[in-house]
Amino acid sequence: MLNINKQEFSQNFRNILQQTGQIPPLSETTRELIKLRNNPDSNLSQLIDLIANDPGLSAFIMKYARMSTFGYGERIVSVHQAVSLVLGFNTALNLSMGIAASGCLQMPNHGALGKICIWSQALECAVMCRELYHLSDIKRSLNGDIAYLGGLFHNFGYMLFSHLYPREFSYLNDLVTRHPEQDARVLQLQVFGITHDTIGMYLIKAWDLPEEIAITVAEQHFPDYSGRHALYVKLVALANRMLRNKDVVDGCPYVDTTALLNDLEIDEFSALNALTTVRGYQQEFQALAQSLAA
């Protein structure tokens, strides 16, 4: 067992997070992907060429495009087909950003907080957020790409924790794995005095990703948040509540799931149908996550 002074550890961790030079920089591929995202004149060919130049990213994008939900399967044999026929510009770009950005962060593959579980949850949450976005009657107030990225990046704080403090993270991973009945965030507070959502917020800011994503990552466990971009916070909180199959999995037990559905103007029956659909892909998300850990 580690001998940890949580006040001292938390303060030291926050000091490191406030020094952006301590956070691993984005790869060249990720920086080029962000340039494409910020360029209104970017096109499909540029994105395909960028993905094709990264063998690992190319392989993952093709595996993703072969998921049963798209119906193409093994007929997808090139990045061009994966992007142009199946995923489209925005989904391919956003997914590629997440994959490429995480490549600089080291973490163990196994355990409740290992790379396989974290990536499986990230992919599942991103898709669930996208499904809920399409069901919302106030989608005009939201951006579908931001909703997807909020879900994709929601647990990346664990990756940075592992990268900066591998020994302490290993202890946390083991603790959460041995005590699945306990809330992982509560364990983080009890042992370390800092949580993955706070760590993730600093990571998103250091990578200069959109403010909506930083706020969503920071506030995801508090769907009563009422500041800027609150709808994205509620969307990710709702997605995680539904996926975890618990009544409350965040810091707002007084905000029930029905209230979140009402705030986002989403029909409950439709949301449950979407949940059934997304859960049907769990084995495929797991396989994709394992490919990233290979």
C-alpha atoms as a PDB file:
ATOM      1  CA  MET A   1       0.000   0.000   0.000  1.00  0.00           C
ATOM      2  CA  LEU A   2       1.243   3.461  -0.887  1.00  0.00           C
ATOM      3  CA  ASN A   3       1.783   6.010   1.844  1.00  0.00           C
ATOM      4  CA  ILE A   4       0.094   9.064   0.313  1.00  0.00           C
ATOM      5  CA  ASN A   5      -0.528  12.471   1.816  1.00  0.00           C
ATOM      6  CA  LYS A   6      -3.526  13.374  -0.317  1.00  0.00           C
ATOM      7  CA  GLN A   7      -3.332  17.138   0.351  1.00  0.00           C
ATOM      8  CA  GLU A   8       0.324  17.226  -0.658  1.00  0.00           C
ATOM      9  CA  PHE A   9      -0.216  14.916  -3.632  1.00  0.00           C
ATOM     10  CA  SER A  10      -3.197  16.911  -4.873  1.00  0.00           C
ATOM     11  CA  GLN A  11      -1.334  20.210  -4.614  1.00  0.00           C
ATOM     12  CA  ASN A  12       1.745  18.851  -6.366  1.00  0.00           C
ATOM     13  CA  PHE A  13      -0.418  17.391  -9.128  1.00  0.00           C
ATOM     14  CA  ARG A  14      -2.249  20.695  -9.612  1.00  0.00           C
ATOM     15  CA  ASN A  15       1.058  22.557  -9.769  1.00  0.00           C
ATOM     16  CA  ILE A  16       2.201  20.268 -12.564  1.00  0.00           C
ATOM     17  CA  LEU A  17      -1.096  20.621 -14.425  1.00  0.00           C
ATOM     18  CA  GLN A  18      -0.821  24.408 -14.324  1.00  0.00           C
ATOM     19  CA  GLN A  19       2.540  24.172 -16.091  1.00  0.00           C
ATOM     20  CA  THR A  20       1.444  23.307 -19.604  1.00  0.00           C
ATOM     21  CA  GLY A  21       5.012  22.358 -20.491  1.00  0.00           C
ATOM     22  CA  GLN A  22       4.657  19.350 -18.182  1.00  0.00           C
ATOM     23  CA  ILE A  23       1.774  17.939 -20.235  1.00  0.00           C
ATOM     24  CA  PRO A  24       2.913  15.919 -23.265  1.00  0.00           C
ATOM     25  CA  PRO A  25       2.387  17.970 -26.438  1.00  0.00           C
ATOM     26  CA  LEU A  26       0.145  16.860 -29.239  1.00  0.00           C
ATOM     27  CA  SER A  27       1.688  14.821 -32.005  1.00  0.00           C
ATOM     28  CA  GLU A  28       2.287  16.318 -35.435  1.00  0.00           C
ATOM     29  CA  THR A  29      -0.606  14.276 -36.828  1.00  0.00           C
ATOM     30  CA  THR A  30      -2.965  15.647 -34.164  1.00  0.00           C
ATOM     31  CA  ARG A  31      -1.872  19.226 -34.811  1.00  0.00           C
ATOM     32  CA  GLU A  32      -2.522  18.746 -38.521  1.00  0.00           C
ATOM     33  CA  LEU A  33      -5.952  17.273 -37.756  1.00  0.00           C
ATOM     34  CA  ILE A  34      -6.817  20.306 -35.620  1.00  0.00           C
ATOM     35  CA  LYS A  35      -5.722  22.594 -38.458  1.00  0.00           C
ATOM     36  CA  LEU A  36      -8.123  20.768 -40.750  1.00  0.00           C
ATOM     37  CA  ARG A  37     -10.896  21.103 -38.189  1.00  0.00           C
ATOM     38  CA  ASN A  38     -10.320  24.851 -37.888  1.00  0.00           C
ATOM     39  CA  ASN A  39     -10.033  25.430 -41.643  1.00  0.00           C
ATOM     40  CA  PRO A  40     -13.435  26.012 -43.286  1.00  0.00           C
ATOM     41  CA  ASP A  41     -11.900  25.165 -46.675  1.00  0.00           C
ATOM     42  CA  SER A  42     -10.525  21.754 -45.663  1.00  0.00           C
ATOM     43  CA  ASN A  43     -11.788  18.793 -47.646  1.00  0.00           C
ATOM     44  CA  LEU A  44     -12.169  15.021 -47.578  1.00  0.00           C
ATOM     45  CA  SER A  45      -9.055  14.349 -49.645  1.00  0.00           C
ATOM     46  CA  GLN A  46      -6.834  16.233 -47.214  1.00  0.00           C
ATOM     47  CA  LEU A  47      -8.212  14.263 -44.285  1.00  0.00           C
ATOM     48  CA  ILE A  48      -7.840  10.916 -46.073  1.00  0.00           C
ATOM     49  CA  ASP A  49      -4.227  11.715 -46.994  1.00  0.00           C
ATOM     50  CA  LEU A  50      -3.424  12.701 -43.404  1.00  0.00           C
ATOM     51  CA  ILE A  51      -4.924   9.533 -41.936  1.00  0.00           C
ATOM     52  CA  ALA A  52      -3.311   7.346 -44.600  1.00  0.00           C
ATOM     53  CA  ASN A  53       0.128   8.668 -43.658  1.00  0.00           C
ATOM     54  CA  ASP A  54      -0.246   7.225 -40.137  1.00  0.00           C
ATOM     55  CA  PRO A  55      -0.321   3.392 -40.301  1.00  0.00           C
ATOM     56  CA  GLY A  56      -1.743   2.892 -36.804  1.00  0.00           C
ATOM     57  CA  LEU A  57      -4.453   5.474 -37.293  1.00  0.00           C
ATOM     58  CA  SER A  58      -5.298   4.086 -40.738  1.00  0.00           C
ATOM     59  CA  ALA A  59      -5.761   0.588 -39.334  1.00  0.00           C
ATOM     60  CA  PHE A  60      -8.051   1.810 -36.561  1.00  0.00           C
ATOM     61  CA  ILE A  61     -10.224   3.961 -38.832  1.00  0.00           C
ATOM     62  CA  MET A  62     -10.791   1.007 -41.138  1.00  0.00           C
ATOM     63  CA  LYS A  63     -11.661  -1.266 -38.199  1.00  0.00           C
ATOM     64  CA  TYR A  64     -14.111   1.323 -36.911  1.00  0.00           C
ATOM     65  CA  ALA A  65     -15.732   1.654 -40.340  1.00  0.00           C
ATOM     66  CA  ARG A  66     -16.226  -2.130 -40.420  1.00  0.00           C
ATOM     67  CA  MET A  67     -18.482  -2.057 -37.342  1.00  0.00           C
ATOM     68  CA  SER A  68     -21.786  -3.854 -37.839  1.00  0.00           C
ATOM     69  CA  THR A  69     -23.758  -0.631 -37.364  1.00  0.00           C
ATOM     70  CA  PHE A  70     -22.540   0.608 -40.755  1.00  0.00           C
ATOM     71  CA  GLY A  71     -23.233  -2.587 -42.684  1.00  0.00           C
ATOM     72  CA  TYR A  72     -20.100  -2.628 -44.838  1.00  0.00           C
ATOM     73  CA  GLY A  73     -17.957  -5.084 -42.903  1.00  0.00           C
ATOM     74  CA  GLU A  74     -14.925  -6.499 -44.693  1.00  0.00           C
ATOM     75  CA  ARG A  75     -15.807  -4.659 -47.876  1.00  0.00           C
ATOM     76  CA  ILE A  76     -13.963  -1.682 -46.421  1.00  0.00           C
ATOM     77  CA  VAL A  77     -10.363  -2.202 -47.558  1.00  0.00           C
ATOM     78  CA  SER A  78      -8.977   1.354 -47.655  1.00  0.00           C
ATOM     79  CA  VAL A  79      -8.961   4.581 -45.684  1.00  0.00           C
ATOM     80  CA  HIS A  80     -10.635   6.274 -48.645  1.00  0.00           C
ATOM     81  CA  GLN A  81     -13.592   3.888 -48.441  1.00  0.00           C
ATOM     82  CA  ALA A  82     -13.769   4.139 -44.640  1.00  0.00           C
ATOM     83  CA  VAL A  83     -13.961   7.929 -44.698  1.00  0.00           C
ATOM     84  CA  SER A  84     -15.855   8.648 -47.912  1.00  0.00           C
ATOM     85  CA  LEU A  85     -18.388   5.781 -47.842  1.00  0.00           C
ATOM     86  CA  VAL A  86     -18.909   5.165 -44.136  1.00  0.00           C
ATOM     87  CA  LEU A  87     -17.764   7.705 -41.569  1.00  0.00           C
ATOM     88  CA  GLY A  88     -17.859  11.006 -43.381  1.00  0.00           C
ATOM     89  CA  PHE A  89     -15.554  13.962 -42.790  1.00  0.00           C
ATOM     90  CA  ASN A  90     -16.624  15.002 -39.278  1.00  0.00           C
ATOM     91  CA  THR A  91     -16.795  11.605 -37.578  1.00  0.00           C
ATOM     92  CA  ALA A  92     -13.513  10.473 -39.150  1.00  0.00           C
ATOM     93  CA  LEU A  93     -11.821  13.724 -38.155  1.00  0.00           C
ATOM     94  CA  ASN A  94     -13.087  13.746 -34.576  1.00  0.00           C
ATOM     95  CA  LEU A  95     -12.293  10.086 -33.994  1.00  0.00           C
ATOM     96  CA  SER A  96      -8.834  10.505 -35.504  1.00  0.00           C
ATOM     97  CA  MET A  97      -8.156  13.462 -33.222  1.00  0.00           C
ATOM     98  CA  GLY A  98      -8.942  11.409 -30.133  1.00  0.00           C
ATOM     99  CA  ILE A  99      -6.822   8.447 -31.247  1.00  0.00           C
ATOM    100  CA  ALA A 100      -3.854  10.556 -32.291  1.00  0.00           C
ATOM    101  CA  ALA A 101      -3.996  12.826 -29.233  1.00  0.00           C
ATOM    102  CA  SER A 102      -3.932   9.931 -26.778  1.00  0.00           C
ATOM    103  CA  GLY A 103      -0.914   8.333 -28.417  1.00  0.00           C
ATOM    104  CA  CYS A 104       1.523  10.378 -26.329  1.00  0.00           C
ATOM    105  CA  LEU A 105       0.039   9.174 -23.013  1.00  0.00           C
ATOM    106  CA  GLN A 106       1.270   5.949 -21.435  1.00  0.00           C
ATOM    107  CA  MET A 107      -0.986   3.740 -19.327  1.00  0.00           C
ATOM    108  CA  PRO A 108      -1.378   0.033 -18.480  1.00  0.00           C
ATOM    109  CA  ASN A 109      -3.643  -1.997 -20.738  1.00  0.00           C
ATOM    110  CA  HIS A 110      -5.546  -3.947 -18.109  1.00  0.00           C
ATOM    111  CA  GLY A 111      -7.687  -3.315 -15.045  1.00  0.00           C
ATOM    112  CA  ALA A 112     -10.855  -1.310 -14.434  1.00  0.00           C
ATOM    113  CA  LEU A 113      -8.968   1.856 -15.388  1.00  0.00           C
ATOM    114  CA  GLY A 114      -6.639   0.288 -17.944  1.00  0.00           C
ATOM    115  CA  LYS A 115      -6.403   1.428 -21.544  1.00  0.00           C
ATOM    116  CA  ILE A 116      -8.787  -1.242 -22.836  1.00  0.00           C
ATOM    117  CA  CYS A 117     -11.586  -0.299 -20.419  1.00  0.00           C
ATOM    118  CA  ILE A 118     -11.009   3.444 -20.722  1.00  0.00           C
ATOM    119  CA  TRP A 119     -11.065   3.373 -24.527  1.00  0.00           C
ATOM    120  CA  SER A 120     -14.068   1.072 -24.652  1.00  0.00           C
ATOM    121  CA  GLN A 121     -15.963   3.490 -22.392  1.00  0.00           C
ATOM    122  CA  ALA A 122     -14.800   6.495 -24.416  1.00  0.00           C
ATOM    123  CA  LEU A 123     -15.970   5.037 -27.733  1.00  0.00           C
ATOM    124  CA  GLU A 124     -19.278   3.909 -26.239  1.00  0.00           C
ATOM    125  CA  CYS A 125     -19.961   7.256 -24.570  1.00  0.00           C
ATOM    126  CA  ALA A 126     -19.119   9.183 -27.748  1.00  0.00           C
ATOM    127  CA  VAL A 127     -21.605   7.158 -29.784  1.00  0.00           C
ATOM    128  CA  MET A 128     -24.267   7.430 -27.060  1.00  0.00           C
ATOM    129  CA  CYS A 129     -23.795  11.213 -26.955  1.00  0.00           C
ATOM    130  CA  ARG A 130     -24.223  11.374 -30.710  1.00  0.00           C
ATOM    131  CA  GLU A 131     -27.406   9.285 -30.529  1.00  0.00           C
ATOM    132  CA  LEU A 132     -28.853  11.481 -27.777  1.00  0.00           C
ATOM    133  CA  TYR A 133     -27.933  14.614 -29.731  1.00  0.00           C
ATOM    134  CA  HIS A 134     -29.932  13.384 -32.734  1.00  0.00           C
ATOM    135  CA  LEU A 135     -32.915  12.655 -30.477  1.00  0.00           C
ATOM    136  CA  SER A 136     -32.909  16.075 -28.812  1.00  0.00           C
ATOM    137  CA  ASP A 137     -35.549  18.589 -29.835  1.00  0.00           C
ATOM    138  CA  ILE A 138     -33.096  21.365 -28.947  1.00  0.00           C
ATOM    139  CA  LYS A 139     -30.245  20.104 -31.135  1.00  0.00           C
ATOM    140  CA  ARG A 140     -30.238  23.553 -32.755  1.00  0.00           C
ATOM    141  CA  SER A 141     -28.584  24.735 -29.524  1.00  0.00           C
ATOM    142  CA  LEU A 142     -25.935  22.019 -29.737  1.00  0.00           C
ATOM    143  CA  ASN A 143     -23.197  20.948 -32.109  1.00  0.00           C
ATOM    144  CA  GLY A 144     -23.137  17.243 -32.913  1.00  0.00           C
ATOM    145  CA  ASP A 145     -19.352  17.153 -33.328  1.00  0.00           C
ATOM    146  CA  ILE A 146     -18.795  18.769 -29.928  1.00  0.00           C
ATOM    147  CA  ALA A 147     -21.267  16.333 -28.368  1.00  0.00           C
ATOM    148  CA  TYR A 148     -19.318  13.398 -29.840  1.00  0.00           C
ATOM    149  CA  LEU A 149     -15.950  14.804 -28.717  1.00  0.00           C
ATOM    150  CA  GLY A 150     -17.269  15.500 -25.223  1.00  0.00           C
ATOM    151  CA  GLY A 151     -18.147  11.826 -24.909  1.00  0.00           C
ATOM    152  CA  LEU A 152     -14.891  10.697 -26.489  1.00  0.00           C
ATOM    153  CA  PHE A 153     -12.645  12.791 -24.216  1.00  0.00           C
ATOM    154  CA  HIS A 154     -14.695  12.501 -21.013  1.00  0.00           C
ATOM    155  CA  ASN A 155     -12.343  10.033 -19.295  1.00  0.00           C
ATOM    156  CA  PHE A 156      -8.990  11.063 -20.795  1.00  0.00           C
ATOM    157  CA  GLY A 157      -7.976  12.451 -17.404  1.00  0.00           C
ATOM    158  CA  TYR A 158      -7.182   8.876 -16.388  1.00  0.00           C
ATOM    159  CA  MET A 159      -4.644   8.689 -19.215  1.00  0.00           C
ATOM    160  CA  LEU A 160      -2.814  11.793 -18.029  1.00  0.00           C
ATOM    161  CA  PHE A 161      -2.911  10.602 -14.411  1.00  0.00           C
ATOM    162  CA  SER A 162      -1.272   7.356 -15.493  1.00  0.00           C
ATOM    163  CA  HIS A 163       1.315   9.134 -17.641  1.00  0.00           C
ATOM    164  CA  LEU A 164       2.436  11.584 -14.948  1.00  0.00           C
ATOM    165  CA  TYR A 165       2.119   9.333 -11.887  1.00  0.00           C
ATOM    166  CA  PRO A 166       2.347   5.698 -13.077  1.00  0.00           C
ATOM    167  CA  ARG A 167       2.987   4.198  -9.621  1.00  0.00           C
ATOM    168  CA  GLU A 168       0.082   6.015  -7.972  1.00  0.00           C
ATOM    169  CA  PHE A 169      -2.187   5.297 -10.920  1.00  0.00           C
ATOM    170  CA  SER A 170      -1.331   1.609 -10.753  1.00  0.00           C
ATOM    171  CA  TYR A 171      -2.457   1.641  -7.127  1.00  0.00           C
ATOM    172  CA  LEU A 172      -5.705   3.403  -8.065  1.00  0.00           C
ATOM    173  CA  ASN A 173      -6.320   1.000 -10.948  1.00  0.00           C
ATOM    174  CA  ASP A 174      -5.877  -1.957  -8.617  1.00  0.00           C
ATOM    175  CA  LEU A 175      -8.111  -0.358  -5.986  1.00  0.00           C
ATOM    176  CA  VAL A 176     -10.962   0.283  -8.426  1.00  0.00           C
ATOM    177  CA  THR A 177     -10.569  -3.168  -9.967  1.00  0.00           C
ATOM    178  CA  ARG A 178     -10.811  -4.863  -6.548  1.00  0.00           C
ATOM    179  CA  HIS A 179     -13.740  -2.725  -5.399  1.00  0.00           C
ATOM    180  CA  PRO A 180     -16.118  -2.392  -8.379  1.00  0.00           C
ATOM    181  CA  GLU A 181     -19.003  -1.674  -6.016  1.00  0.00           C
ATOM    182  CA  GLN A 182     -17.429   1.637  -5.005  1.00  0.00           C
ATOM    183  CA  ASP A 183     -17.561   4.813  -7.078  1.00  0.00           C
ATOM    184  CA  ALA A 184     -14.176   5.383  -8.732  1.00  0.00           C
ATOM    185  CA  ARG A 185     -14.379   9.154  -8.332  1.00  0.00           C
ATOM    186  CA  VAL A 186     -15.045   8.873  -4.598  1.00  0.00           C
ATOM    187  CA  LEU A 187     -12.017   6.593  -4.255  1.00  0.00           C
ATOM    188  CA  GLN A 188      -9.882   9.146  -6.088  1.00  0.00           C
ATOM    189  CA  LEU A 189     -10.947  11.899  -3.710  1.00  0.00           C
ATOM    190  CA  GLN A 190     -10.404   9.745  -0.637  1.00  0.00           C
ATOM    191  CA  VAL A 191      -6.926   8.582  -1.620  1.00  0.00           C
ATOM    192  CA  PHE A 192      -5.483  11.335  -3.821  1.00  0.00           C
ATOM    193  CA  GLY A 193      -7.594  14.456  -3.292  1.00  0.00           C
ATOM    194  CA  ILE A 194      -7.895  14.997  -7.055  1.00  0.00           C
ATOM    195  CA  THR A 195     -10.081  13.392  -9.716  1.00  0.00           C
ATOM    196  CA  HIS A 196      -9.919  12.436 -13.378  1.00  0.00           C
ATOM    197  CA  ASP A 197     -12.419  15.128 -14.401  1.00  0.00           C
ATOM    198  CA  THR A 198     -10.225  17.934 -13.036  1.00  0.00           C
ATOM    199  CA  ILE A 199      -7.118  16.358 -14.552  1.00  0.00           C
ATOM    200  CA  GLY A 200      -8.913  15.928 -17.876  1.00  0.00           C
ATOM    201  CA  MET A 201      -9.962  19.575 -17.944  1.00  0.00           C
ATOM    202  CA  TYR A 202      -6.317  20.692 -17.708  1.00  0.00           C
ATOM    203  CA  LEU A 203      -5.382  18.239 -20.464  1.00  0.00           C
ATOM    204  CA  ILE A 204      -8.054  19.557 -22.837  1.00  0.00           C
ATOM    205  CA  LYS A 205      -7.011  23.144 -22.133  1.00  0.00           C
ATOM    206  CA  ALA A 206      -3.320  22.374 -22.650  1.00  0.00           C
ATOM    207  CA  TRP A 207      -4.174  20.804 -26.000  1.00  0.00           C
ATOM    208  CA  ASP A 208      -6.147  23.949 -26.906  1.00  0.00           C
ATOM    209  CA  LEU A 209      -9.302  22.031 -27.770  1.00  0.00           C
ATOM    210  CA  PRO A 210     -12.691  23.825 -27.761  1.00  0.00           C
ATOM    211  CA  GLU A 211     -13.867  25.384 -24.501  1.00  0.00           C
ATOM    212  CA  GLU A 212     -17.089  23.359 -24.672  1.00  0.00           C
ATOM    213  CA  ILE A 213     -15.094  20.138 -24.319  1.00  0.00           C
ATOM    214  CA  ALA A 214     -12.983  21.424 -21.420  1.00  0.00           C
ATOM    215  CA  ILE A 215     -16.083  22.487 -19.485  1.00  0.00           C
ATOM    216  CA  THR A 216     -17.907  19.248 -20.288  1.00  0.00           C
ATOM    217  CA  VAL A 217     -14.985  17.149 -19.046  1.00  0.00           C
ATOM    218  CA  ALA A 218     -14.643  19.265 -15.893  1.00  0.00           C
ATOM    219  CA  GLU A 219     -18.342  19.312 -14.958  1.00  0.00           C
ATOM    220  CA  GLN A 220     -19.528  15.923 -16.260  1.00  0.00           C
ATOM    221  CA  HIS A 221     -20.313  14.630 -12.760  1.00  0.00           C
ATOM    222  CA  PHE A 222     -22.385  17.705 -11.913  1.00  0.00           C
ATOM    223  CA  PRO A 223     -25.334  17.926 -14.319  1.00  0.00           C
ATOM    224  CA  ASP A 224     -26.824  20.710 -12.224  1.00  0.00           C
ATOM    225  CA  TYR A 225     -24.056  22.940 -13.620  1.00  0.00           C
ATOM    226  CA  SER A 226     -25.707  26.000 -15.111  1.00  0.00           C
ATOM    227  CA  GLY A 227     -22.822  27.958 -16.639  1.00  0.00           C
ATOM    228  CA  ARG A 228     -21.580  28.172 -20.211  1.00  0.00           C
ATOM    229  CA  HIS A 229     -22.171  25.069 -22.344  1.00  0.00           C
ATOM    230  CA  ALA A 230     -24.330  23.425 -19.658  1.00  0.00           C
ATOM    231  CA  LEU A 231     -26.250  21.420 -22.262  1.00  0.00           C
ATOM    232  CA  TYR A 232     -23.113  19.470 -23.201  1.00  0.00           C
ATOM    233  CA  VAL A 233     -22.496  18.704 -19.530  1.00  0.00           C
ATOM    234  CA  LYS A 234     -26.034  17.352 -19.195  1.00  0.00           C
ATOM    235  CA  LEU A 235     -25.644  15.328 -22.384  1.00  0.00           C
ATOM    236  CA  VAL A 236     -22.483  13.533 -21.234  1.00  0.00           C
ATOM    237  CA  ALA A 237     -23.887  13.052 -17.726  1.00  0.00           C
ATOM    238  CA  LEU A 238     -27.048  11.532 -19.203  1.00  0.00           C
ATOM    239  CA  ALA A 239     -25.076   9.253 -21.528  1.00  0.00           C
ATOM    240  CA  ASN A 240     -22.951   7.942 -18.668  1.00  0.00           C
ATOM    241  CA  ARG A 241     -25.924   7.417 -16.360  1.00  0.00           C
ATOM    242  CA  MET A 242     -27.721   5.366 -18.978  1.00  0.00           C
ATOM    243  CA  LEU A 243     -24.670   3.354 -19.995  1.00  0.00           C
ATOM    244  CA  ARG A 244     -23.766   2.458 -16.417  1.00  0.00           C
ATOM    245  CA  ASN A 245     -27.288   1.264 -15.708  1.00  0.00           C
ATOM    246  CA  LYS A 246     -27.475   3.013 -12.344  1.00  0.00           C
ATOM    247  CA  ASP A 247     -29.921   5.597 -11.081  1.00  0.00           C
ATOM    248  CA  VAL A 248     -27.185   8.071 -10.119  1.00  0.00           C
ATOM    249  CA  VAL A 249     -23.475   7.875 -10.919  1.00  0.00           C
ATOM    250  CA  ASP A 250     -22.461  11.468 -10.336  1.00  0.00           C
ATOM    251  CA  GLY A 251     -22.450  14.218  -7.738  1.00  0.00           C
ATOM    252  CA  CYS A 252     -26.093  15.196  -8.192  1.00  0.00           C
ATOM    253  CA  PRO A 253     -28.376  12.586  -6.619  1.00  0.00           C
ATOM    254  CA  TYR A 254     -31.090  15.238  -6.411  1.00  0.00           C
ATOM    255  CA  VAL A 255     -31.131  15.609 -10.228  1.00  0.00           C
ATOM    256  CA  ASP A 256     -32.848  12.520 -11.579  1.00  0.00           C
ATOM    257  CA  THR A 257     -32.338  11.124 -15.052  1.00  0.00           C
ATOM    258  CA  THR A 258     -35.843  12.085 -16.129  1.00  0.00           C
ATOM    259  CA  ALA A 259     -35.000  15.710 -15.385  1.00  0.00           C
ATOM    260  CA  LEU A 260     -31.962  15.513 -17.662  1.00  0.00           C
ATOM    261  CA  LEU A 261     -34.070  14.013 -20.445  1.00  0.00           C
ATOM    262  CA  ASN A 262     -36.560  16.868 -20.017  1.00  0.00           C
ATOM    263  CA  ASP A 263     -33.807  19.521 -20.018  1.00  0.00           C
ATOM    264  CA  LEU A 264     -32.468  18.141 -23.283  1.00  0.00           C
ATOM    265  CA  GLU A 265     -35.992  17.578 -24.661  1.00  0.00           C
ATOM    266  CA  ILE A 266     -35.373  13.902 -25.368  1.00  0.00           C
ATOM    267  CA  ASP A 267     -38.190  11.364 -25.350  1.00  0.00           C
ATOM    268  CA  GLU A 268     -37.427   8.647 -22.773  1.00  0.00           C
ATOM    269  CA  PHE A 269     -38.683   5.771 -24.933  1.00  0.00           C
ATOM    270  CA  SER A 270     -36.476   6.879 -27.827  1.00  0.00           C
ATOM    271  CA  ALA A 271     -33.497   7.267 -25.486  1.00  0.00           C
ATOM    272  CA  LEU A 272     -33.949   3.732 -24.170  1.00  0.00           C
ATOM    273  CA  ASN A 273     -34.113   2.391 -27.719  1.00  0.00           C
ATOM    274  CA  ALA A 274     -30.871   4.226 -28.496  1.00  0.00           C
ATOM    275  CA  LEU A 275     -29.304   2.728 -25.381  1.00  0.00           C
ATOM    276  CA  THR A 276     -30.252  -0.778 -26.509  1.00  0.00           C
ATOM    277  CA  THR A 277     -28.683  -0.094 -29.895  1.00  0.00           C
ATOM    278  CA  VAL A 278     -25.435   1.248 -28.437  1.00  0.00           C
ATOM    279  CA  ARG A 279     -25.157  -1.613 -25.960  1.00  0.00           C
ATOM    280  CA  GLY A 280     -25.426  -3.988 -28.878  1.00  0.00           C
ATOM    281  CA  TYR A 281     -22.014  -2.745 -30.043  1.00  0.00           C
ATOM    282  CA  GLN A 282     -20.189  -3.342 -26.737  1.00  0.00           C
ATOM    283  CA  GLN A 283     -18.183  -6.310 -28.005  1.00  0.00           C
ATOM    284  CA  GLU A 284     -17.080  -4.297 -31.015  1.00  0.00           C
ATOM    285  CA  PHE A 285     -16.067  -1.346 -28.839  1.00  0.00           C
ATOM    286  CA  GLN A 286     -14.079  -3.791 -26.696  1.00  0.00           C
ATOM    287  CA  ALA A 287     -12.331  -5.206 -29.760  1.00  0.00           C
ATOM    288  CA  LEU A 288     -11.500  -1.707 -31.004  1.00  0.00           C
ATOM    289  CA  ALA A 289     -10.105  -0.772 -27.584  1.00  0.00           C
ATOM    290  CA  GLN A 290      -7.973  -3.919 -27.537  1.00  0.00           C
ATOM    291  CA  SER A 291      -6.555  -2.983 -30.932  1.00  0.00           C
ATOM    292  CA  LEU A 292      -5.425   0.355 -29.478  1.00  0.00           C
ATOM    293  CA  ALA A 293      -3.694  -1.474 -26.621  1.00  0.00           C
ATOM    294  CA  ALA A 294      -1.865  -3.888 -28.913  1.00  0.00           C
END
